[in-house]
Amino acid sequence: MTTTFQLHPRLKEDCIAIGRFDLCQLLMMNDSQYPWFILVPERADIKEIYQLSKSERHTLTEESSYLAENLAVLYKADKINIAAIGNLVPQLHIHHVVRYQSDKAWPAPVWGRFAAVPYTQQQIIDNIAHVKEQLKI
C-alpha cells in the first residue's frame, strides 16, 4: 500500500505556500528576519535525498540551484545557505536562506537562534509577488 504525499504539519504551520516546480513545492518561512524559502519534494515517506530516484535527485538539484541563483539576484544576497537538516521535521525539505553580513545571526546558522518574526499580510503579498515574478512561476 503506497501513501500519498502530504506536507508535514510543522511546515504547514511555519510556512506560506508560494507555488510548485516539477518535483517540489516552494514554501516561504514565515519569518521576516531573513528571506527564507523551502523546497519540499512531493514524494511520500521520503526523509533523505538518497531515497529519491536518480532522476528525482537530478531534478531536485536543478530546482534548488535555480531557486538559489534567483534568490541571490532578487535579494542581492551576500550568501545563500542551503541545508537539509530534518531533525525536527523528518520529511525531506531543503532550506534556502538568504544571508547578509549585516543580518542578526551572521555568521552563525539561523535555525533556532531567534524567535520568528512573522511577516505582515502586506509583506507576504509583496514577497510572494516578487518571488513569483523572479522565478516565473
Protein backbone atom coordinates (compact mmCIF):
# COMPACT_ATOMS: atom_id res chain seq x y z
CA MET A 1 0.00 0.00 0.00
CA THR A 2 1.52 3.32 -1.05
CA THR A 3 0.83 6.51 0.81
CA THR A 4 0.20 9.82 -0.88
CA PHE A 5 2.29 12.91 -0.32
CA GLN A 6 1.15 15.21 2.48
CA LEU A 7 3.03 18.25 3.66
CA HIS A 8 4.27 17.83 7.23
CA PRO A 9 2.06 19.72 9.73
CA ARG A 10 5.02 21.75 11.06
CA LEU A 11 5.82 23.01 7.55
CA LYS A 12 2.14 23.89 7.05
CA GLU A 13 2.19 25.80 10.34
CA ASP A 14 5.51 27.64 9.86
CA CYS A 15 5.42 28.38 6.13
CA ILE A 16 3.44 30.06 3.39
CA ALA A 17 2.88 28.19 0.12
CA ILE A 18 4.18 30.00 -2.95
CA GLY A 19 3.95 27.52 -5.81
CA ARG A 20 5.35 24.38 -7.39
CA PHE A 21 8.16 23.24 -9.60
CA ASP A 22 8.18 19.88 -11.37
CA LEU A 23 9.20 17.97 -8.23
CA CYS A 24 8.97 20.34 -5.30
CA GLN A 25 6.57 22.62 -3.51
CA LEU A 26 8.03 26.03 -2.81
CA LEU A 27 7.33 27.47 0.62
CA MET A 28 8.35 30.69 2.34
CA MET A 29 9.19 30.50 6.05
CA ASN A 30 7.01 32.98 7.93
CA ASP A 31 9.98 34.79 9.49
CA SER A 32 10.60 38.32 8.27
CA GLN A 33 14.12 38.41 9.71
CA TYR A 34 15.51 36.53 6.70
CA PRO A 35 14.31 35.76 3.18
CA TRP A 36 13.92 32.02 3.85
CA PHE A 37 12.47 29.52 1.39
CA ILE A 38 11.97 25.77 1.48
CA LEU A 39 11.73 23.18 -1.29
CA VAL A 40 9.75 20.05 -0.43
CA PRO A 41 9.85 17.15 -2.91
CA GLU A 42 6.28 15.94 -3.35
CA ARG A 43 7.08 12.32 -2.59
CA ALA A 44 5.55 10.35 0.27
CA ASP A 45 7.66 8.91 3.06
CA ILE A 46 10.97 10.44 1.94
CA LYS A 47 13.38 11.59 4.64
CA GLU A 48 16.69 11.70 2.77
CA ILE A 49 17.86 12.84 -0.65
CA TYR A 50 19.28 9.40 -1.44
CA GLN A 51 15.76 7.94 -1.17
CA LEU A 52 14.74 9.82 -4.31
CA SER A 53 15.27 8.20 -7.68
CA LYS A 54 18.33 9.25 -9.66
CA SER A 55 16.23 11.43 -11.96
CA GLU A 56 14.42 12.98 -8.96
CA ARG A 57 17.78 13.77 -7.32
CA HIS A 58 18.83 15.50 -10.53
CA THR A 59 15.56 17.44 -10.66
CA LEU A 60 15.94 18.45 -7.01
CA THR A 61 19.46 19.72 -7.66
CA GLU A 62 18.28 21.73 -10.67
CA GLU A 63 15.30 23.22 -8.79
CA SER A 64 17.48 24.07 -5.79
CA SER A 65 20.14 25.70 -7.97
CA TYR A 66 17.53 27.66 -9.91
CA LEU A 67 15.93 28.86 -6.67
CA ALA A 68 19.25 29.77 -5.04
CA GLU A 69 20.51 31.70 -8.08
CA ASN A 70 17.29 33.66 -8.41
CA LEU A 71 17.06 34.41 -4.69
CA ALA A 72 20.65 35.69 -4.74
CA VAL A 73 19.77 38.05 -7.58
CA LEU A 74 16.38 39.15 -6.22
CA TYR A 75 17.57 39.81 -2.68
CA LYS A 76 21.17 40.83 -3.52
CA ALA A 77 22.44 38.17 -1.13
CA ASP A 78 25.89 38.04 0.40
CA LYS A 79 25.42 34.26 0.72
CA ILE A 80 22.73 31.63 0.26
CA ASN A 81 22.64 28.96 2.97
CA ILE A 82 21.24 25.67 1.69
CA ALA A 83 20.59 22.77 4.04
CA ALA A 84 18.53 19.62 4.50
CA ILE A 85 18.57 19.13 8.26
CA GLY A 86 15.28 17.44 9.18
CA ASN A 87 15.92 16.80 12.86
CA LEU A 88 12.57 18.25 13.92
CA VAL A 89 10.68 17.73 10.64
CA PRO A 90 11.69 14.36 9.19
CA GLN A 91 10.03 14.96 5.81
CA LEU A 92 12.70 15.84 3.25
CA HIS A 93 12.83 19.60 2.80
CA ILE A 94 15.65 21.87 1.67
CA HIS A 95 16.14 25.27 3.30
CA HIS A 96 17.35 28.20 1.15
CA VAL A 97 18.16 31.15 3.39
CA VAL A 98 19.31 34.48 2.01
CA ARG A 99 22.08 35.79 4.23
CA TYR A 100 23.69 39.16 4.69
CA GLN A 101 26.77 40.01 6.69
CA SER A 102 24.51 42.53 8.43
CA ASP A 103 21.77 40.05 9.47
CA LYS A 104 21.30 39.48 13.19
CA ALA A 105 22.51 35.86 13.15
CA TRP A 106 25.59 36.34 10.91
CA PRO A 107 27.82 34.38 10.67
CA ALA A 108 26.01 31.65 12.62
CA PRO A 109 23.23 29.50 11.15
CA VAL A 110 19.72 30.94 11.50
CA TRP A 111 17.94 27.82 12.81
CA GLY A 112 16.91 28.10 16.41
CA ARG A 113 18.81 31.36 17.04
CA PHE A 114 15.90 33.77 17.43
CA ALA A 115 12.14 33.51 17.67
CA ALA A 116 10.44 34.01 14.31
CA VAL A 117 9.04 37.44 13.49
CA PRO A 118 6.03 36.78 11.24
CA TYR A 119 5.52 38.80 8.08
CA THR A 120 2.65 41.26 7.90
CA GLN A 121 -0.08 40.40 5.41
CA GLN A 122 1.23 43.10 3.05
CA GLN A 123 4.79 41.79 3.32
CA ILE A 124 3.54 38.30 2.43
CA ILE A 125 1.70 39.61 -0.62
CA ASP A 126 4.70 41.68 -1.76
CA ASN A 127 7.29 38.94 -1.19
CA ILE A 128 5.27 36.27 -2.96
CA ALA A 129 4.66 38.57 -5.93
CA HIS A 130 8.36 39.43 -6.22
CA VAL A 131 9.47 35.81 -5.89
CA LYS A 132 6.91 34.53 -8.40
CA GLU A 133 7.92 37.24 -10.87
CA GLN A 134 11.64 36.47 -10.46
CA LEU A 135 11.12 32.69 -10.74
CA LYS A 136 8.48 32.94 -13.47
CA ILE A 137 6.08 30.65 -11.61
